Amino acid sequence: MLRAIKQQVTVPPDGVIKIYSKELQPGSQAEIIVILKQLPKPPPQGLLRFMGKGKGAFATAEQADAFIRGERDRWE
């Protein structure tokens, strides 16, 4: 016969959930299923976070200037 134990918990920052119950006997086999009520919303990401991260993007203005200068020199 299957028995269920239902508890409400808040997941701490380390993600470890502890379950306490007098029904849990040492050596017993148990299967754990975690059902999340709602996932926390990720923090909003501003445009500045992505600047300089994409392929072909430059981390500094000096790098961009050097690239543009090199391209202009090739055109002449």
PDB file of N, CA and C in Angstrom:
ATOM      1  N   MET A   1       0.836  -1.171   0.000  1.00  0.00           N
ATOM      2  CA  MET A   1       0.000   0.000   0.000  1.00  0.00           C
ATOM      3  C   MET A   1       0.889   1.244   0.000  1.00  0.00           C
ATOM      4  N   LEU A   2       0.581   2.202  -0.862  1.00  0.00           N
ATOM      5  CA  LEU A   2       1.315   3.461  -0.915  1.00  0.00           C
ATOM      6  C   LEU A   2       0.737   4.448   0.080  1.00  0.00           C
ATOM      7  N   ARG A   3       1.609   5.190   0.732  1.00  0.00           N
ATOM      8  CA  ARG A   3       1.185   6.244   1.651  1.00  0.00           C
ATOM      9  C   ARG A   3       1.860   7.520   1.221  1.00  0.00           C
ATOM     10  N   ALA A   4       1.197   8.625   1.394  1.00  0.00           N
ATOM     11  CA  ALA A   4       1.749   9.918   1.003  1.00  0.00           C
ATOM     12  C   ALA A   4       1.866  10.839   2.209  1.00  0.00           C
ATOM     13  N   ILE A   5       2.890  11.621   2.211  1.00  0.00           N
ATOM     14  CA  ILE A   5       3.083  12.666   3.217  1.00  0.00           C
ATOM     15  C   ILE A   5       3.160  13.973   2.446  1.00  0.00           C
ATOM     16  N   LYS A   6       2.298  14.896   2.787  1.00  0.00           N
ATOM     17  CA  LYS A   6       2.271  16.178   2.097  1.00  0.00           C
ATOM     18  C   LYS A   6       2.653  17.269   3.083  1.00  0.00           C
ATOM     19  N   GLN A   7       3.643  18.078   2.692  1.00  0.00           N
ATOM     20  CA  GLN A   7       4.087  19.176   3.533  1.00  0.00           C
ATOM     21  C   GLN A   7       4.330  20.403   2.657  1.00  0.00           C
ATOM     22  N   GLN A   8       4.081  21.570   3.208  1.00  0.00           N
ATOM     23  CA  GLN A   8       4.390  22.824   2.539  1.00  0.00           C
ATOM     24  C   GLN A   8       5.764  23.288   3.032  1.00  0.00           C
ATOM     25  N   VAL A   9       6.652  23.623   2.119  1.00  0.00           N
ATOM     26  CA  VAL A   9       7.984  24.092   2.494  1.00  0.00           C
ATOM     27  C   VAL A   9       8.348  25.313   1.645  1.00  0.00           C
ATOM     28  N   THR A  10       9.298  26.070   2.143  1.00  0.00           N
ATOM     29  CA  THR A  10       9.903  27.147   1.374  1.00  0.00           C
ATOM     30  C   THR A  10      11.325  26.725   1.066  1.00  0.00           C
ATOM     31  N   VAL A  11      11.691  26.762  -0.189  1.00  0.00           N
ATOM     32  CA  VAL A  11      13.019  26.316  -0.600  1.00  0.00           C
ATOM     33  C   VAL A  11      14.041  27.383  -0.192  1.00  0.00           C
ATOM     34  N   PRO A  12      15.046  26.994   0.597  1.00  0.00           N
ATOM     35  CA  PRO A  12      16.077  27.952   1.009  1.00  0.00           C
ATOM     36  C   PRO A  12      17.065  28.217  -0.130  1.00  0.00           C
ATOM     37  N   PRO A  13      17.950  29.200   0.043  1.00  0.00           N
ATOM     38  CA  PRO A  13      18.905  29.544  -1.020  1.00  0.00           C
ATOM     39  C   PRO A  13      19.771  28.381  -1.498  1.00  0.00           C
ATOM     40  N   ASP A  14      20.088  27.435  -0.601  1.00  0.00           N
ATOM     41  CA  ASP A  14      20.939  26.314  -1.025  1.00  0.00           C
ATOM     42  C   ASP A  14      20.156  25.224  -1.755  1.00  0.00           C
ATOM     43  N   GLY A  15      18.821  25.344  -1.812  1.00  0.00           N
ATOM     44  CA  GLY A  15      17.994  24.389  -2.549  1.00  0.00           C
ATOM     45  C   GLY A  15      17.751  23.074  -1.831  1.00  0.00           C
ATOM     46  N   VAL A  16      18.180  22.939  -0.591  1.00  0.00           N
ATOM     47  CA  VAL A  16      18.005  21.696   0.162  1.00  0.00           C
ATOM     48  C   VAL A  16      16.685  21.756   0.924  1.00  0.00           C
ATOM     49  N   ILE A  17      15.843  20.751   0.714  1.00  0.00           N
ATOM     50  CA  ILE A  17      14.557  20.675   1.394  1.00  0.00           C
ATOM     51  C   ILE A  17      14.618  19.526   2.382  1.00  0.00           C
ATOM     52  N   LYS A  18      14.209  19.772   3.625  1.00  0.00           N
ATOM     53  CA  LYS A  18      14.192  18.733   4.649  1.00  0.00           C
ATOM     54  C   LYS A  18      12.748  18.389   4.971  1.00  0.00           C
ATOM     55  N   ILE A  19      12.483  17.091   5.119  1.00  0.00           N
ATOM     56  CA  ILE A  19      11.145  16.609   5.449  1.00  0.00           C
ATOM     57  C   ILE A  19      11.224  15.864   6.780  1.00  0.00           C
ATOM     58  N   TYR A  20      10.350  16.250   7.708  1.00  0.00           N
ATOM     59  CA  TYR A  20      10.294  15.583   9.008  1.00  0.00           C
ATOM     60  C   TYR A  20       8.900  14.980   9.171  1.00  0.00           C
ATOM     61  N   SER A  21       8.837  13.717   9.563  1.00  0.00           N
ATOM     62  CA  SER A  21       7.551  13.074   9.820  1.00  0.00           C
ATOM     63  C   SER A  21       7.777  11.849  10.700  1.00  0.00           C
ATOM     64  N   LYS A  22       6.873  11.658  11.641  1.00  0.00           N
ATOM     65  CA  LYS A  22       6.936  10.467  12.490  1.00  0.00           C
ATOM     66  C   LYS A  22       6.647   9.203  11.682  1.00  0.00           C
ATOM     67  N   GLU A  23       6.003   9.347  10.534  1.00  0.00           N
ATOM     68  CA  GLU A  23       5.679   8.203   9.679  1.00  0.00           C
ATOM     69  C   GLU A  23       6.893   7.664   8.942  1.00  0.00           C
ATOM     70  N   LEU A  24       7.962   8.445   8.856  1.00  0.00           N
ATOM     71  CA  LEU A  24       9.162   8.005   8.149  1.00  0.00           C
ATOM     72  C   LEU A  24       9.987   7.119   9.079  1.00  0.00           C
ATOM     73  N   GLN A  25      10.117   5.863   8.731  1.00  0.00           N
ATOM     74  CA  GLN A  25      10.853   4.895   9.540  1.00  0.00           C
ATOM     75  C   GLN A  25      12.249   4.692   8.948  1.00  0.00           C
ATOM     76  N   PRO A  26      13.277   4.629   9.785  1.00  0.00           N
ATOM     77  CA  PRO A  26      14.631   4.390   9.280  1.00  0.00           C
ATOM     78  C   PRO A  26      14.688   3.113   8.442  1.00  0.00           C
ATOM     79  N   GLY A  27      15.369   3.206   7.296  1.00  0.00           N
ATOM     80  CA  GLY A  27      15.501   2.049   6.410  1.00  0.00           C
ATOM     81  C   GLY A  27      14.371   1.906   5.406  1.00  0.00           C
ATOM     82  N   SER A  28      13.300   2.679   5.542  1.00  0.00           N
ATOM     83  CA  SER A  28      12.184   2.601   4.586  1.00  0.00           C
ATOM     84  C   SER A  28      12.604   3.190   3.253  1.00  0.00           C
ATOM     85  N   GLN A  29      12.042   2.649   2.179  1.00  0.00           N
ATOM     86  CA  GLN A  29      12.259   3.201   0.845  1.00  0.00           C
ATOM     87  C   GLN A  29      11.194   4.258   0.588  1.00  0.00           C
ATOM     88  N   ALA A  30      11.582   5.368  -0.028  1.00  0.00           N
ATOM     89  CA  ALA A  30      10.641   6.437  -0.321  1.00  0.00           C
ATOM     90  C   ALA A  30      10.973   7.045  -1.674  1.00  0.00           C
ATOM     91  N   GLU A  31       9.968   7.541  -2.341  1.00  0.00           N
ATOM     92  CA  GLU A  31      10.150   8.251  -3.604  1.00  0.00           C
ATOM     93  C   GLU A  31       9.704   9.693  -3.378  1.00  0.00           C
ATOM     94  N   ILE A  32      10.539  10.618  -3.755  1.00  0.00           N
ATOM     95  CA  ILE A  32      10.262  12.037  -3.521  1.00  0.00           C
ATOM     96  C   ILE A  32       9.879  12.704  -4.839  1.00  0.00           C
ATOM     97  N   ILE A  33       8.779  13.433  -4.845  1.00  0.00           N
ATOM     98  CA  ILE A  33       8.351  14.226  -5.988  1.00  0.00           C
ATOM     99  C   ILE A  33       8.148  15.654  -5.486  1.00  0.00           C
ATOM    100  N   VAL A  34       8.790  16.601  -6.123  1.00  0.00           N
ATOM    101  CA  VAL A  34       8.661  18.000  -5.731  1.00  0.00           C
ATOM    102  C   VAL A  34       7.819  18.710  -6.786  1.00  0.00           C
ATOM    103  N   ILE A  35       6.735  19.319  -6.355  1.00  0.00           N
ATOM    104  CA  ILE A  35       5.852  20.065  -7.243  1.00  0.00           C
ATOM    105  C   ILE A  35       5.961  21.537  -6.856  1.00  0.00           C
ATOM    106  N   LEU A  36       6.477  22.342  -7.779  1.00  0.00           N
ATOM    107  CA  LEU A  36       6.640  23.766  -7.509  1.00  0.00           C
ATOM    108  C   LEU A  36       5.340  24.491  -7.800  1.00  0.00           C
ATOM    109  N   LYS A  37       4.901  25.302  -6.858  1.00  0.00           N
ATOM    110  CA  LYS A  37       3.668  26.058  -7.063  1.00  0.00           C
ATOM    111  C   LYS A  37       3.863  27.131  -8.114  1.00  0.00           C
ATOM    112  N   GLN A  38       4.953  27.853  -8.036  1.00  0.00           N
ATOM    113  CA  GLN A  38       5.283  28.842  -9.058  1.00  0.00           C
ATOM    114  C   GLN A  38       6.769  29.094  -8.998  1.00  0.00           C
ATOM    115  N   LEU A  39       7.367  29.299 -10.138  1.00  0.00           N
ATOM    116  CA  LEU A  39       8.786  29.596 -10.182  1.00  0.00           C
ATOM    117  C   LEU A  39       8.984  31.084  -9.939  1.00  0.00           C
ATOM    118  N   PRO A  40      10.025  31.434  -9.212  1.00  0.00           N
ATOM    119  CA  PRO A  40      10.284  32.863  -9.016  1.00  0.00           C
ATOM    120  C   PRO A  40      10.655  33.506 -10.344  1.00  0.00           C
ATOM    121  N   LYS A  41      10.229  34.752 -10.531  1.00  0.00           N
ATOM    122  CA  LYS A  41      10.550  35.473 -11.756  1.00  0.00           C
ATOM    123  C   LYS A  41      12.016  35.869 -11.727  1.00  0.00           C
ATOM    124  N   PRO A  42      12.709  35.684 -12.860  1.00  0.00           N
ATOM    125  CA  PRO A  42      14.104  36.128 -12.887  1.00  0.00           C
ATOM    126  C   PRO A  42      14.160  37.647 -12.825  1.00  0.00           C
ATOM    127  N   PRO A  43      15.244  38.181 -12.291  1.00  0.00           N
ATOM    128  CA  PRO A  43      15.350  39.642 -12.218  1.00  0.00           C
ATOM    129  C   PRO A  43      15.381  40.231 -13.621  1.00  0.00           C
ATOM    130  N   PRO A  44      14.838  41.433 -13.806  1.00  0.00           N
ATOM    131  CA  PRO A  44      14.863  42.046 -15.130  1.00  0.00           C
ATOM    132  C   PRO A  44      16.298  42.295 -15.570  1.00  0.00           C
ATOM    133  N   GLN A  45      16.529  42.062 -16.837  1.00  0.00           N
ATOM    134  CA  GLN A  45      17.880  42.232 -17.363  1.00  0.00           C
ATOM    135  C   GLN A  45      17.912  43.478 -18.242  1.00  0.00           C
ATOM    136  N   GLY A  46      18.732  44.406 -17.866  1.00  0.00           N
ATOM    137  CA  GLY A  46      18.867  45.632 -18.631  1.00  0.00           C
ATOM    138  C   GLY A  46      19.740  45.430 -19.855  1.00  0.00           C
ATOM    139  N   LEU A  47      19.636  46.336 -20.771  1.00  0.00           N
ATOM    140  CA  LEU A  47      20.403  46.273 -22.006  1.00  0.00           C
ATOM    141  C   LEU A  47      21.901  46.334 -21.743  1.00  0.00           C
ATOM    142  N   LEU A  48      22.312  47.082 -20.727  1.00  0.00           N
ATOM    143  CA  LEU A  48      23.737  47.212 -20.443  1.00  0.00           C
ATOM    144  C   LEU A  48      24.388  45.877 -20.084  1.00  0.00           C
ATOM    145  N   ARG A  49      23.607  44.958 -19.553  1.00  0.00           N
ATOM    146  CA  ARG A  49      24.163  43.655 -19.188  1.00  0.00           C
ATOM    147  C   ARG A  49      24.648  42.891 -20.418  1.00  0.00           C
ATOM    148  N   PHE A  50      24.004  43.130 -21.560  1.00  0.00           N
ATOM    149  CA  PHE A  50      24.344  42.396 -22.773  1.00  0.00           C
ATOM    150  C   PHE A  50      25.393  43.097 -23.635  1.00  0.00           C
ATOM    151  N   MET A  51      25.631  44.362 -23.383  1.00  0.00           N
ATOM    152  CA  MET A  51      26.588  45.104 -24.205  1.00  0.00           C
ATOM    153  C   MET A  51      27.972  44.485 -24.084  1.00  0.00           C
ATOM    154  N   GLY A  52      28.591  44.279 -25.208  1.00  0.00           N
ATOM    155  CA  GLY A  52      29.934  43.717 -25.243  1.00  0.00           C
ATOM    156  C   GLY A  52      29.972  42.216 -25.065  1.00  0.00           C
ATOM    157  N   LYS A  53      28.812  41.555 -24.988  1.00  0.00           N
ATOM    158  CA  LYS A  53      28.789  40.117 -24.745  1.00  0.00           C
ATOM    159  C   LYS A  53      28.568  39.310 -26.022  1.00  0.00           C
ATOM    160  N   GLY A  54      27.947  39.920 -27.014  1.00  0.00           N
ATOM    161  CA  GLY A  54      27.590  39.188 -28.231  1.00  0.00           C
ATOM    162  C   GLY A  54      28.782  38.983 -29.143  1.00  0.00           C
ATOM    163  N   LYS A  55      28.644  38.051 -30.073  1.00  0.00           N
ATOM    164  CA  LYS A  55      29.691  37.757 -31.034  1.00  0.00           C
ATOM    165  C   LYS A  55      29.925  39.001 -31.888  1.00  0.00           C
ATOM    166  N   GLY A  56      31.176  39.410 -32.018  1.00  0.00           N
ATOM    167  CA  GLY A  56      31.501  40.577 -32.816  1.00  0.00           C
ATOM    168  C   GLY A  56      31.351  41.884 -32.066  1.00  0.00           C
ATOM    169  N   ALA A  57      30.915  41.850 -30.826  1.00  0.00           N
ATOM    170  CA  ALA A  57      30.759  43.067 -30.035  1.00  0.00           C
ATOM    171  C   ALA A  57      32.084  43.395 -29.363  1.00  0.00           C
ATOM    172  N   PHE A  58      32.198  44.614 -28.902  1.00  0.00           N
ATOM    173  CA  PHE A  58      33.431  45.070 -28.283  1.00  0.00           C
ATOM    174  C   PHE A  58      33.179  45.404 -26.822  1.00  0.00           C
ATOM    175  N   ALA A  59      34.137  45.050 -25.987  1.00  0.00           N
ATOM    176  CA  ALA A  59      33.991  45.291 -24.551  1.00  0.00           C
ATOM    177  C   ALA A  59      34.256  46.744 -24.192  1.00  0.00           C
ATOM    178  N   THR A  60      35.083  47.425 -25.000  1.00  0.00           N
ATOM    179  CA  THR A  60      35.403  48.818 -24.696  1.00  0.00           C
ATOM    180  C   THR A  60      35.260  49.665 -25.949  1.00  0.00           C
ATOM    181  N   ALA A  61      35.130  50.971 -25.751  1.00  0.00           N
ATOM    182  CA  ALA A  61      35.049  51.897 -26.878  1.00  0.00           C
ATOM    183  C   ALA A  61      36.360  51.905 -27.660  1.00  0.00           C
ATOM    184  N   GLU A  62      37.479  51.744 -26.975  1.00  0.00           N
ATOM    185  CA  GLU A  62      38.781  51.727 -27.639  1.00  0.00           C
ATOM    186  C   GLU A  62      38.889  50.557 -28.613  1.00  0.00           C
ATOM    187  N   GLN A  63      38.370  49.409 -28.228  1.00  0.00           N
ATOM    188  CA  GLN A  63      38.391  48.249 -29.129  1.00  0.00           C
ATOM    189  C   GLN A  63      37.540  48.518 -30.369  1.00  0.00           C
ATOM    190  N   ALA A  64      36.388  49.128 -30.182  1.00  0.00           N
ATOM    191  CA  ALA A  64      35.523  49.453 -31.316  1.00  0.00           C
ATOM    192  C   ALA A  64      36.194  50.464 -32.229  1.00  0.00           C
ATOM    193  N   ASP A  65      36.822  51.506 -31.659  1.00  0.00           N
ATOM    194  CA  ASP A  65      37.522  52.507 -32.465  1.00  0.00           C
ATOM    195  C   ASP A  65      38.656  51.882 -33.269  1.00  0.00           C
ATOM    196  N   ALA A  66      39.418  51.011 -32.636  1.00  0.00           N
ATOM    197  CA  ALA A  66      40.531  50.353 -33.329  1.00  0.00           C
ATOM    198  C   ALA A  66      40.015  49.505 -34.492  1.00  0.00           C
ATOM    199  N   PHE A  67      38.919  48.805 -34.282  1.00  0.00           N
ATOM    200  CA  PHE A  67      38.353  47.988 -35.358  1.00  0.00           C
ATOM    201  C   PHE A  67      37.894  48.864 -36.518  1.00  0.00           C
ATOM    202  N   ILE A  68      37.179  49.944 -36.211  1.00  0.00           N
ATOM    203  CA  ILE A  68      36.667  50.839 -37.262  1.00  0.00           C
ATOM    204  C   ILE A  68      37.823  51.495 -38.015  1.00  0.00           C
ATOM    205  N   ARG A  69      38.857  51.924 -37.280  1.00  0.00           N
ATOM    206  CA  ARG A  69      40.026  52.513 -37.912  1.00  0.00           C
ATOM    207  C   ARG A  69      40.672  51.519 -38.878  1.00  0.00           C
ATOM    208  N   GLY A  70      40.795  50.274 -38.446  1.00  0.00           N
ATOM    209  CA  GLY A  70      41.372  49.237 -39.308  1.00  0.00           C
ATOM    210  C   GLY A  70      40.540  49.001 -40.560  1.00  0.00           C
ATOM    211  N   GLU A  71      39.220  49.002 -40.412  1.00  0.00           N
ATOM    212  CA  GLU A  71      38.335  48.823 -41.573  1.00  0.00           C
ATOM    213  C   GLU A  71      38.464  49.992 -42.544  1.00  0.00           C
ATOM    214  N   ARG A  72      38.534  51.196 -42.023  1.00  0.00           N
ATOM    215  CA  ARG A  72      38.691  52.386 -42.881  1.00  0.00           C
ATOM    216  C   ARG A  72      40.013  52.338 -43.639  1.00  0.00           C
ATOM    217  N   ASP A  73      41.067  51.905 -42.949  1.00  0.00           N
ATOM    218  CA  ASP A  73      42.379  51.796 -43.603  1.00  0.00           C
ATOM    219  C   ASP A  73      42.348  50.777 -44.737  1.00  0.00           C
ATOM    220  N   ARG A  74      41.594  49.732 -44.586  1.00  0.00           N
ATOM    221  CA  ARG A  74      41.485  48.707 -45.641  1.00  0.00           C
ATOM    222  C   ARG A  74      40.724  49.233 -46.852  1.00  0.00           C
ATOM    223  N   TRP A  75      39.812  50.177 -46.673  1.00  0.00           N
ATOM    224  CA  TRP A  75      39.011  50.690 -47.775  1.00  0.00           C
ATOM    225  C   TRP A  75      39.841  51.571 -48.714  1.00  0.00           C
ATOM    226  N   GLU A  76      40.902  52.190 -48.184  1.00  0.00           N
ATOM    227  CA  GLU A  76      41.684  53.145 -48.986  1.00  0.00           C
ATOM    228  C   GLU A  76      42.718  52.485 -49.805  1.00  0.00           C
TER     229      GLU A  76
END
